[in-house]
ModelCIF file with pLDDT and N, C-alpha, C, O atoms, coordinates in Angstrom:
data_MODEL
#
_entry.id   MODEL 
#
_entity.id                         1 
_entity.type                       polymer 
_entity.pdbx_number_of_molecules   1 
#
_entity_poly.entity_id                      1 
_entity_poly.type                           'polypeptide(L)' 
_entity_poly.nstd_linkage                   no 
_entity_poly.nstd_monomer                   no 
_entity_poly.pdbx_seq_one_letter_code       IESIFVVTNRISFHNGYHFWMEPFFYTLMFTFIRLHYKRPLLTY 
_entity_poly.pdbx_seq_one_letter_code_can   IESIFVVTNRISFHNGYHFWMEPFFYTLMFTFIRLHYKRPLLTY 
_entity_poly.pdbx_strand_id                 A 
#
loop_
_entity_poly_seq.entity_id 
_entity_poly_seq.num 
_entity_poly_seq.mon_id 
_entity_poly_seq.hetero 
1 1  ILE n 
1 2  GLU n 
1 3  SER n 
1 4  ILE n 
1 5  PHE n 
1 6  VAL n 
1 7  VAL n 
1 8  THR n 
1 9  ASN n 
1 10 ARG n 
1 11 ILE n 
1 12 SER n 
1 13 PHE n 
1 14 HIS n 
1 15 ASN n 
1 16 GLY n 
1 17 TYR n 
1 18 HIS n 
1 19 PHE n 
1 20 TRP n 
1 21 MET n 
1 22 GLU n 
1 23 PRO n 
1 24 PHE n 
1 25 PHE n 
1 26 TYR n 
1 27 THR n 
1 28 LEU n 
1 29 MET n 
1 30 PHE n 
1 31 THR n 
1 32 PHE n 
1 33 ILE n 
1 34 ARG n 
1 35 LEU n 
1 36 HIS n 
1 37 TYR n 
1 38 LYS n 
1 39 ARG n 
1 40 PRO n 
1 41 LEU n 
1 42 LEU n 
1 43 THR n 
1 44 TYR n 
#
_struct_asym.id          A 
_struct_asym.entity_id   1 
#
loop_
_ma_qa_metric.id 
_ma_qa_metric.mode 
_ma_qa_metric.name 
_ma_qa_metric.software_group_id 
_ma_qa_metric.type 
1 global pLDDT . pLDDT 
2 local  pLDDT . pLDDT 
#
_ma_qa_metric_global.metric_id      1 
_ma_qa_metric_global.metric_value   96.45 
_ma_qa_metric_global.model_id       1 
_ma_qa_metric_global.ordinal_id     1 
#
loop_
_ma_qa_metric_local.label_asym_id 
_ma_qa_metric_local.label_comp_id 
_ma_qa_metric_local.label_seq_id 
_ma_qa_metric_local.metric_id 
_ma_qa_metric_local.metric_value 
_ma_qa_metric_local.model_id 
_ma_qa_metric_local.ordinal_id 
A ILE 1  2 95.00 1 1  
A GLU 2  2 96.00 1 2  
A SER 3  2 96.00 1 3  
A ILE 4  2 95.00 1 4  
A PHE 5  2 94.00 1 5  
A VAL 6  2 96.00 1 6  
A VAL 7  2 96.00 1 7  
A THR 8  2 94.00 1 8  
A ASN 9  2 93.00 1 9  
A ARG 10 2 92.00 1 10 
A ILE 11 2 93.00 1 11 
A SER 12 2 95.00 1 12 
A PHE 13 2 97.00 1 13 
A HIS 14 2 97.00 1 14 
A ASN 15 2 96.00 1 15 
A GLY 16 2 96.00 1 16 
A TYR 17 2 97.00 1 17 
A HIS 18 2 97.00 1 18 
A PHE 19 2 97.00 1 19 
A TRP 20 2 97.00 1 20 
A MET 21 2 97.00 1 21 
A GLU 22 2 97.00 1 22 
A PRO 23 2 97.00 1 23 
A PHE 24 2 97.00 1 24 
A PHE 25 2 97.00 1 25 
A TYR 26 2 97.00 1 26 
A THR 27 2 98.00 1 27 
A LEU 28 2 97.00 1 28 
A MET 29 2 97.00 1 29 
A PHE 30 2 98.00 1 30 
A THR 31 2 98.00 1 31 
A PHE 32 2 98.00 1 32 
A ILE 33 2 98.00 1 33 
A ARG 34 2 97.00 1 34 
A LEU 35 2 98.00 1 35 
A HIS 36 2 98.00 1 36 
A TYR 37 2 97.00 1 37 
A LYS 38 2 96.00 1 38 
A ARG 39 2 97.00 1 39 
A PRO 40 2 97.00 1 40 
A LEU 41 2 97.00 1 41 
A LEU 42 2 98.00 1 42 
A THR 43 2 97.00 1 43 
A TYR 44 2 97.00 1 44 
#
loop_
_atom_site.group_PDB 
_atom_site.id 
_atom_site.type_symbol 
_atom_site.label_atom_id 
_atom_site.label_alt_id 
_atom_site.label_comp_id 
_atom_site.label_asym_id 
_atom_site.label_entity_id 
_atom_site.label_seq_id 
_atom_site.pdbx_PDB_ins_code 
_atom_site.Cartn_x 
_atom_site.Cartn_y 
_atom_site.Cartn_z 
_atom_site.occupancy 
_atom_site.B_iso_or_equiv 
_atom_site.pdbx_formal_charge 
_atom_site.auth_seq_id 
_atom_site.auth_comp_id 
_atom_site.auth_asym_id 
_atom_site.auth_atom_id 
_atom_site.pdbx_PDB_model_num 
ATOM 1   N N  . ILE A 1 1  ? 84.983  104.570 93.774  1.00 95.00 ? 1  ILE A N  1 
ATOM 2   C CA . ILE A 1 1  ? 85.768  104.809 92.475  1.00 95.00 ? 1  ILE A CA 1 
ATOM 3   C C  . ILE A 1 1  ? 85.933  103.649 91.433  1.00 95.00 ? 1  ILE A C  1 
ATOM 4   O O  . ILE A 1 1  ? 86.057  103.719 90.211  1.00 95.00 ? 1  ILE A O  1 
ATOM 5   N N  . GLU A 1 2  ? 85.906  102.776 92.105  1.00 96.00 ? 2  GLU A N  1 
ATOM 6   C CA . GLU A 1 2  ? 85.949  101.627 91.161  1.00 96.00 ? 2  GLU A CA 1 
ATOM 7   C C  . GLU A 1 2  ? 84.493  101.452 90.392  1.00 96.00 ? 2  GLU A C  1 
ATOM 8   O O  . GLU A 1 2  ? 84.307  101.123 89.221  1.00 96.00 ? 2  GLU A O  1 
ATOM 9   N N  . SER A 1 3  ? 83.433  101.803 91.503  1.00 96.00 ? 3  SER A N  1 
ATOM 10  C CA . SER A 1 3  ? 82.017  101.508 90.891  1.00 96.00 ? 3  SER A CA 1 
ATOM 11  C C  . SER A 1 3  ? 81.936  102.432 89.131  1.00 96.00 ? 3  SER A C  1 
ATOM 12  O O  . SER A 1 3  ? 81.371  101.963 88.144  1.00 96.00 ? 3  SER A O  1 
ATOM 13  N N  . ILE A 1 4  ? 82.575  103.613 89.180  1.00 95.00 ? 4  ILE A N  1 
ATOM 14  C CA . ILE A 1 4  ? 82.654  104.440 88.002  1.00 95.00 ? 4  ILE A CA 1 
ATOM 15  C C  . ILE A 1 4  ? 83.409  103.476 86.779  1.00 95.00 ? 4  ILE A C  1 
ATOM 16  O O  . ILE A 1 4  ? 83.181  103.472 85.569  1.00 95.00 ? 4  ILE A O  1 
ATOM 17  N N  . PHE A 1 5  ? 84.217  102.811 87.434  1.00 94.00 ? 5  PHE A N  1 
ATOM 18  C CA . PHE A 1 5  ? 85.342  101.974 86.136  1.00 94.00 ? 5  PHE A CA 1 
ATOM 19  C C  . PHE A 1 5  ? 83.690  100.645 85.650  1.00 94.00 ? 5  PHE A C  1 
ATOM 20  O O  . PHE A 1 5  ? 83.240  100.505 84.512  1.00 94.00 ? 5  PHE A O  1 
ATOM 21  N N  . VAL A 1 6  ? 83.216  99.973  86.823  1.00 96.00 ? 6  VAL A N  1 
ATOM 22  C CA . VAL A 1 6  ? 82.117  99.425  86.833  1.00 96.00 ? 6  VAL A CA 1 
ATOM 23  C C  . VAL A 1 6  ? 81.293  99.647  85.875  1.00 96.00 ? 6  VAL A C  1 
ATOM 24  O O  . VAL A 1 6  ? 81.241  99.165  84.743  1.00 96.00 ? 6  VAL A O  1 
ATOM 25  N N  . VAL A 1 7  ? 80.619  100.445 86.423  1.00 96.00 ? 7  VAL A N  1 
ATOM 26  C CA . VAL A 1 7  ? 79.537  101.596 85.096  1.00 96.00 ? 7  VAL A CA 1 
ATOM 27  C C  . VAL A 1 7  ? 80.109  101.736 83.804  1.00 96.00 ? 7  VAL A C  1 
ATOM 28  O O  . VAL A 1 7  ? 80.032  100.765 83.052  1.00 96.00 ? 7  VAL A O  1 
ATOM 29  N N  . THR A 1 8  ? 80.468  102.400 83.554  1.00 94.00 ? 8  THR A N  1 
ATOM 30  C CA . THR A 1 8  ? 81.586  102.785 82.158  1.00 94.00 ? 8  THR A CA 1 
ATOM 31  C C  . THR A 1 8  ? 82.519  101.558 81.519  1.00 94.00 ? 8  THR A C  1 
ATOM 32  O O  . THR A 1 8  ? 83.515  101.872 80.867  1.00 94.00 ? 8  THR A O  1 
ATOM 33  N N  . ASN A 1 9  ? 82.149  100.030 81.736  1.00 93.00 ? 9  ASN A N  1 
ATOM 34  C CA . ASN A 1 9  ? 82.776  99.117  81.177  1.00 93.00 ? 9  ASN A CA 1 
ATOM 35  C C  . ASN A 1 9  ? 84.652  99.087  81.176  1.00 93.00 ? 9  ASN A C  1 
ATOM 36  O O  . ASN A 1 9  ? 85.489  98.447  80.539  1.00 93.00 ? 9  ASN A O  1 
ATOM 37  N N  . ARG A 1 10 ? 84.708  100.093 82.197  1.00 92.00 ? 10 ARG A N  1 
ATOM 38  C CA . ARG A 1 10 ? 86.296  100.060 82.358  1.00 92.00 ? 10 ARG A CA 1 
ATOM 39  C C  . ARG A 1 10 ? 86.893  99.159  83.250  1.00 92.00 ? 10 ARG A C  1 
ATOM 40  O O  . ARG A 1 10 ? 87.911  99.403  83.898  1.00 92.00 ? 10 ARG A O  1 
ATOM 41  N N  . ILE A 1 11 ? 86.075  97.822  83.285  1.00 93.00 ? 11 ILE A N  1 
ATOM 42  C CA . ILE A 1 11 ? 86.462  97.156  84.286  1.00 93.00 ? 11 ILE A CA 1 
ATOM 43  C C  . ILE A 1 11 ? 85.747  95.782  84.253  1.00 93.00 ? 11 ILE A C  1 
ATOM 44  O O  . ILE A 1 11 ? 84.565  96.048  84.032  1.00 93.00 ? 11 ILE A O  1 
ATOM 45  N N  . SER A 1 12 ? 85.885  94.515  84.359  1.00 95.00 ? 12 SER A N  1 
ATOM 46  C CA . SER A 1 12 ? 85.501  93.503  84.210  1.00 95.00 ? 12 SER A CA 1 
ATOM 47  C C  . SER A 1 12 ? 85.651  92.342  85.184  1.00 95.00 ? 12 SER A C  1 
ATOM 48  O O  . SER A 1 12 ? 86.862  92.415  85.396  1.00 95.00 ? 12 SER A O  1 
ATOM 49  N N  . PHE A 1 13 ? 85.352  91.639  85.688  1.00 97.00 ? 13 PHE A N  1 
ATOM 50  C CA . PHE A 1 13 ? 85.265  90.318  86.315  1.00 97.00 ? 13 PHE A CA 1 
ATOM 51  C C  . PHE A 1 13 ? 85.206  89.425  86.301  1.00 97.00 ? 13 PHE A C  1 
ATOM 52  O O  . PHE A 1 13 ? 84.163  89.184  85.692  1.00 97.00 ? 13 PHE A O  1 
ATOM 53  N N  . HIS A 1 14 ? 85.819  88.216  86.690  1.00 97.00 ? 14 HIS A N  1 
ATOM 54  C CA . HIS A 1 14 ? 86.293  87.036  85.528  1.00 97.00 ? 14 HIS A CA 1 
ATOM 55  C C  . HIS A 1 14 ? 86.720  85.894  86.429  1.00 97.00 ? 14 HIS A C  1 
ATOM 56  O O  . HIS A 1 14 ? 87.572  86.067  87.301  1.00 97.00 ? 14 HIS A O  1 
ATOM 57  N N  . ASN A 1 15 ? 86.169  84.805  86.232  1.00 96.00 ? 15 ASN A N  1 
ATOM 58  C CA . ASN A 1 15 ? 86.910  83.419  86.829  1.00 96.00 ? 15 ASN A CA 1 
ATOM 59  C C  . ASN A 1 15 ? 86.340  83.457  88.165  1.00 96.00 ? 15 ASN A C  1 
ATOM 60  O O  . ASN A 1 15 ? 87.104  83.093  89.059  1.00 96.00 ? 15 ASN A O  1 
ATOM 61  N N  . GLY A 1 16 ? 85.294  83.778  88.466  1.00 96.00 ? 16 GLY A N  1 
ATOM 62  C CA . GLY A 1 16 ? 84.401  83.628  90.195  1.00 96.00 ? 16 GLY A CA 1 
ATOM 63  C C  . GLY A 1 16 ? 84.759  84.837  90.941  1.00 96.00 ? 16 GLY A C  1 
ATOM 64  O O  . GLY A 1 16 ? 84.069  85.010  91.946  1.00 96.00 ? 16 GLY A O  1 
ATOM 65  N N  . TYR A 1 17 ? 85.625  85.686  90.720  1.00 97.00 ? 17 TYR A N  1 
ATOM 66  C CA . TYR A 1 17 ? 85.681  87.021  91.160  1.00 97.00 ? 17 TYR A CA 1 
ATOM 67  C C  . TYR A 1 17 ? 84.527  87.919  90.788  1.00 97.00 ? 17 TYR A C  1 
ATOM 68  O O  . TYR A 1 17 ? 84.020  87.872  89.667  1.00 97.00 ? 17 TYR A O  1 
ATOM 69  N N  . HIS A 1 18 ? 84.089  88.793  91.799  1.00 97.00 ? 18 HIS A N  1 
ATOM 70  C CA . HIS A 1 18 ? 82.981  89.450  91.551  1.00 97.00 ? 18 HIS A CA 1 
ATOM 71  C C  . HIS A 1 18 ? 82.979  90.950  92.152  1.00 97.00 ? 18 HIS A C  1 
ATOM 72  O O  . HIS A 1 18 ? 83.837  91.267  92.976  1.00 97.00 ? 18 HIS A O  1 
ATOM 73  N N  . PHE A 1 19 ? 81.873  91.975  91.668  1.00 97.00 ? 19 PHE A N  1 
ATOM 74  C CA . PHE A 1 19 ? 82.422  93.359  92.341  1.00 97.00 ? 19 PHE A CA 1 
ATOM 75  C C  . PHE A 1 19 ? 82.038  93.572  93.564  1.00 97.00 ? 19 PHE A C  1 
ATOM 76  O O  . PHE A 1 19 ? 82.302  94.606  94.178  1.00 97.00 ? 19 PHE A O  1 
ATOM 77  N N  . TRP A 1 20 ? 81.157  92.281  94.181  1.00 97.00 ? 20 TRP A N  1 
ATOM 78  C CA . TRP A 1 20 ? 80.910  92.509  95.843  1.00 97.00 ? 20 TRP A CA 1 
ATOM 79  C C  . TRP A 1 20 ? 81.946  91.993  96.748  1.00 97.00 ? 20 TRP A C  1 
ATOM 80  O O  . TRP A 1 20 ? 82.079  92.316  97.928  1.00 97.00 ? 20 TRP A O  1 
ATOM 81  N N  . MET A 1 21 ? 82.654  91.179  96.100  1.00 97.00 ? 21 MET A N  1 
ATOM 82  C CA . MET A 1 21 ? 84.335  90.927  96.647  1.00 97.00 ? 21 MET A CA 1 
ATOM 83  C C  . MET A 1 21 ? 84.935  92.461  97.045  1.00 97.00 ? 21 MET A C  1 
ATOM 84  O O  . MET A 1 21 ? 85.262  92.726  98.202  1.00 97.00 ? 21 MET A O  1 
ATOM 85  N N  . GLU A 1 22 ? 85.013  93.210  96.191  1.00 97.00 ? 22 GLU A N  1 
ATOM 86  C CA . GLU A 1 22 ? 85.470  94.638  96.316  1.00 97.00 ? 22 GLU A CA 1 
ATOM 87  C C  . GLU A 1 22 ? 85.959  95.245  97.855  1.00 97.00 ? 22 GLU A C  1 
ATOM 88  O O  . GLU A 1 22 ? 87.046  95.476  98.384  1.00 97.00 ? 22 GLU A O  1 
ATOM 89  N N  . PRO A 1 23 ? 84.787  95.341  98.183  1.00 97.00 ? 23 PRO A N  1 
ATOM 90  C CA . PRO A 1 23 ? 85.194  95.883  99.983  1.00 97.00 ? 23 PRO A CA 1 
ATOM 91  C C  . PRO A 1 23 ? 85.936  95.008  100.282 1.00 97.00 ? 23 PRO A C  1 
ATOM 92  O O  . PRO A 1 23 ? 86.981  95.583  100.584 1.00 97.00 ? 23 PRO A O  1 
ATOM 93  N N  . PHE A 1 24 ? 86.109  93.653  100.426 1.00 97.00 ? 24 PHE A N  1 
ATOM 94  C CA . PHE A 1 24 ? 87.014  92.798  100.961 1.00 97.00 ? 24 PHE A CA 1 
ATOM 95  C C  . PHE A 1 24 ? 87.895  92.993  100.765 1.00 97.00 ? 24 PHE A C  1 
ATOM 96  O O  . PHE A 1 24 ? 88.597  93.137  101.766 1.00 97.00 ? 24 PHE A O  1 
ATOM 97  N N  . PHE A 1 25 ? 88.646  93.172  99.307  1.00 97.00 ? 25 PHE A N  1 
ATOM 98  C CA . PHE A 1 25 ? 90.027  92.954  98.878  1.00 97.00 ? 25 PHE A CA 1 
ATOM 99  C C  . PHE A 1 25 ? 90.964  94.680  99.448  1.00 97.00 ? 25 PHE A C  1 
ATOM 100 O O  . PHE A 1 25 ? 92.150  94.828  99.745  1.00 97.00 ? 25 PHE A O  1 
ATOM 101 N N  . TYR A 1 26 ? 89.907  95.648  99.412  1.00 97.00 ? 26 TYR A N  1 
ATOM 102 C CA . TYR A 1 26 ? 90.135  96.544  100.086 1.00 97.00 ? 26 TYR A CA 1 
ATOM 103 C C  . TYR A 1 26 ? 90.510  96.468  101.089 1.00 97.00 ? 26 TYR A C  1 
ATOM 104 O O  . TYR A 1 26 ? 91.645  96.937  101.170 1.00 97.00 ? 26 TYR A O  1 
ATOM 105 N N  . THR A 1 27 ? 90.019  95.978  102.263 1.00 98.00 ? 27 THR A N  1 
ATOM 106 C CA . THR A 1 27 ? 89.761  96.049  103.596 1.00 98.00 ? 27 THR A CA 1 
ATOM 107 C C  . THR A 1 27 ? 91.111  94.944  103.837 1.00 98.00 ? 27 THR A C  1 
ATOM 108 O O  . THR A 1 27 ? 91.857  94.834  104.811 1.00 98.00 ? 27 THR A O  1 
ATOM 109 N N  . LEU A 1 28 ? 91.092  94.432  102.946 1.00 97.00 ? 28 LEU A N  1 
ATOM 110 C CA . LEU A 1 28 ? 92.648  93.195  103.245 1.00 97.00 ? 28 LEU A CA 1 
ATOM 111 C C  . LEU A 1 28 ? 93.630  94.150  102.574 1.00 97.00 ? 28 LEU A C  1 
ATOM 112 O O  . LEU A 1 28 ? 94.705  93.939  103.137 1.00 97.00 ? 28 LEU A O  1 
ATOM 113 N N  . MET A 1 29 ? 93.814  95.218  101.530 1.00 97.00 ? 29 MET A N  1 
ATOM 114 C CA . MET A 1 29 ? 95.064  95.614  100.678 1.00 97.00 ? 29 MET A CA 1 
ATOM 115 C C  . MET A 1 29 ? 95.255  96.934  101.734 1.00 97.00 ? 29 MET A C  1 
ATOM 116 O O  . MET A 1 29 ? 96.391  97.357  101.952 1.00 97.00 ? 29 MET A O  1 
ATOM 117 N N  . PHE A 1 30 ? 94.166  97.505  102.321 1.00 98.00 ? 30 PHE A N  1 
ATOM 118 C CA . PHE A 1 30 ? 94.697  98.978  103.266 1.00 98.00 ? 30 PHE A CA 1 
ATOM 119 C C  . PHE A 1 30 ? 95.339  98.166  104.451 1.00 98.00 ? 30 PHE A C  1 
ATOM 120 O O  . PHE A 1 30 ? 96.508  98.381  104.770 1.00 98.00 ? 30 PHE A O  1 
ATOM 121 N N  . THR A 1 31 ? 94.677  97.362  105.010 1.00 98.00 ? 31 THR A N  1 
ATOM 122 C CA . THR A 1 31 ? 95.335  96.615  106.382 1.00 98.00 ? 31 THR A CA 1 
ATOM 123 C C  . THR A 1 31 ? 96.979  96.114  106.052 1.00 98.00 ? 31 THR A C  1 
ATOM 124 O O  . THR A 1 31 ? 97.812  96.138  106.957 1.00 98.00 ? 31 THR A O  1 
ATOM 125 N N  . PHE A 1 32 ? 97.241  95.779  105.017 1.00 98.00 ? 32 PHE A N  1 
ATOM 126 C CA . PHE A 1 32 ? 98.610  95.188  104.357 1.00 98.00 ? 32 PHE A CA 1 
ATOM 127 C C  . PHE A 1 32 ? 99.301  96.258  104.160 1.00 98.00 ? 32 PHE A C  1 
ATOM 128 O O  . PHE A 1 32 ? 100.413 96.408  104.666 1.00 98.00 ? 32 PHE A O  1 
ATOM 129 N N  . ILE A 1 33 ? 98.751  97.106  103.427 1.00 98.00 ? 33 ILE A N  1 
ATOM 130 C CA . ILE A 1 33 ? 99.674  98.597  103.514 1.00 98.00 ? 33 ILE A CA 1 
ATOM 131 C C  . ILE A 1 33 ? 100.473 98.821  104.613 1.00 98.00 ? 33 ILE A C  1 
ATOM 132 O O  . ILE A 1 33 ? 101.703 98.859  104.624 1.00 98.00 ? 33 ILE A O  1 
ATOM 133 N N  . ARG A 1 34 ? 99.547  99.001  105.743 1.00 97.00 ? 34 ARG A N  1 
ATOM 134 C CA . ARG A 1 34 ? 99.982  99.384  107.322 1.00 97.00 ? 34 ARG A CA 1 
ATOM 135 C C  . ARG A 1 34 ? 100.420 98.668  107.814 1.00 97.00 ? 34 ARG A C  1 
ATOM 136 O O  . ARG A 1 34 ? 101.303 98.961  108.619 1.00 97.00 ? 34 ARG A O  1 
ATOM 137 N N  . LEU A 1 35 ? 100.030 97.270  107.592 1.00 98.00 ? 35 LEU A N  1 
ATOM 138 C CA . LEU A 1 35 ? 100.687 96.345  108.404 1.00 98.00 ? 35 LEU A CA 1 
ATOM 139 C C  . LEU A 1 35 ? 102.432 96.124  108.037 1.00 98.00 ? 35 LEU A C  1 
ATOM 140 O O  . LEU A 1 35 ? 103.321 95.610  108.716 1.00 98.00 ? 35 LEU A O  1 
ATOM 141 N N  . HIS A 1 36 ? 102.466 96.872  106.403 1.00 98.00 ? 36 HIS A N  1 
ATOM 142 C CA . HIS A 1 36 ? 103.549 96.507  105.986 1.00 98.00 ? 36 HIS A CA 1 
ATOM 143 C C  . HIS A 1 36 ? 104.735 97.308  106.179 1.00 98.00 ? 36 HIS A C  1 
ATOM 144 O O  . HIS A 1 36 ? 105.946 97.087  106.133 1.00 98.00 ? 36 HIS A O  1 
ATOM 145 N N  . TYR A 1 37 ? 103.805 98.576  106.469 1.00 97.00 ? 37 TYR A N  1 
ATOM 146 C CA . TYR A 1 37 ? 104.568 100.021 106.998 1.00 97.00 ? 37 TYR A CA 1 
ATOM 147 C C  . TYR A 1 37 ? 105.512 99.666  108.234 1.00 97.00 ? 37 TYR A C  1 
ATOM 148 O O  . TYR A 1 37 ? 106.716 99.921  108.281 1.00 97.00 ? 37 TYR A O  1 
ATOM 149 N N  . LYS A 1 38 ? 104.670 98.953  109.353 1.00 96.00 ? 38 LYS A N  1 
ATOM 150 C CA . LYS A 1 38 ? 104.886 98.465  110.569 1.00 96.00 ? 38 LYS A CA 1 
ATOM 151 C C  . LYS A 1 38 ? 105.735 97.529  110.762 1.00 96.00 ? 38 LYS A C  1 
ATOM 152 O O  . LYS A 1 38 ? 106.762 97.702  111.419 1.00 96.00 ? 38 LYS A O  1 
ATOM 153 N N  . ARG A 1 39 ? 105.370 96.291  110.146 1.00 97.00 ? 39 ARG A N  1 
ATOM 154 C CA . ARG A 1 39 ? 106.308 95.114  110.209 1.00 97.00 ? 39 ARG A CA 1 
ATOM 155 C C  . ARG A 1 39 ? 105.906 94.448  108.978 1.00 97.00 ? 39 ARG A C  1 
ATOM 156 O O  . ARG A 1 39 ? 104.735 94.112  108.804 1.00 97.00 ? 39 ARG A O  1 
ATOM 157 N N  . PRO A 1 40 ? 106.785 94.249  108.147 1.00 97.00 ? 40 PRO A N  1 
ATOM 158 C CA . PRO A 1 40 ? 107.328 94.194  106.663 1.00 97.00 ? 40 PRO A CA 1 
ATOM 159 C C  . PRO A 1 40 ? 107.516 92.605  107.122 1.00 97.00 ? 40 PRO A C  1 
ATOM 160 O O  . PRO A 1 40 ? 106.680 91.804  106.705 1.00 97.00 ? 40 PRO A O  1 
ATOM 161 N N  . LEU A 1 41 ? 108.118 92.343  107.595 1.00 97.00 ? 41 LEU A N  1 
ATOM 162 C CA . LEU A 1 41 ? 108.298 90.739  107.480 1.00 97.00 ? 41 LEU A CA 1 
ATOM 163 C C  . LEU A 1 41 ? 107.192 89.908  107.515 1.00 97.00 ? 41 LEU A C  1 
ATOM 164 O O  . LEU A 1 41 ? 107.070 88.877  106.853 1.00 97.00 ? 41 LEU A O  1 
ATOM 165 N N  . LEU A 1 42 ? 106.219 90.459  108.454 1.00 98.00 ? 42 LEU A N  1 
ATOM 166 C CA . LEU A 1 42 ? 105.113 88.915  109.046 1.00 98.00 ? 42 LEU A CA 1 
ATOM 167 C C  . LEU A 1 42 ? 104.237 89.840  107.743 1.00 98.00 ? 42 LEU A C  1 
ATOM 168 O O  . LEU A 1 42 ? 103.732 89.092  106.905 1.00 98.00 ? 42 LEU A O  1 
ATOM 169 N N  . THR A 1 43 ? 104.116 90.668  107.610 1.00 97.00 ? 43 THR A N  1 
ATOM 170 C CA . THR A 1 43 ? 103.106 90.872  106.036 1.00 97.00 ? 43 THR A CA 1 
ATOM 171 C C  . THR A 1 43 ? 103.430 90.175  105.090 1.00 97.00 ? 43 THR A C  1 
ATOM 172 O O  . THR A 1 43 ? 102.577 89.500  104.513 1.00 97.00 ? 43 THR A O  1 
ATOM 173 N N  . TYR A 1 44 ? 104.846 90.169  104.672 1.00 97.00 ? 44 TYR A N  1 
ATOM 174 C CA . TYR A 1 44 ? 105.547 89.491  103.590 1.00 97.00 ? 44 TYR A CA 1 
ATOM 175 C C  . TYR A 1 44 ? 105.198 87.577  103.727 1.00 97.00 ? 44 TYR A C  1 
ATOM 176 O O  . TYR A 1 44 ? 105.692 86.800  102.911 1.00 97.00 ? 44 TYR A O  1 
#
């Protein structure tokens, strides 16, 4: 989904952050979503 935004110039990356980092970001994001649901204090 984000690739479509990149191709259509709806998102740009700056200050050392790059599109190739997105799979790592989403891995962290979804892991933390689930972790927060199960263990919110640890997630904070």
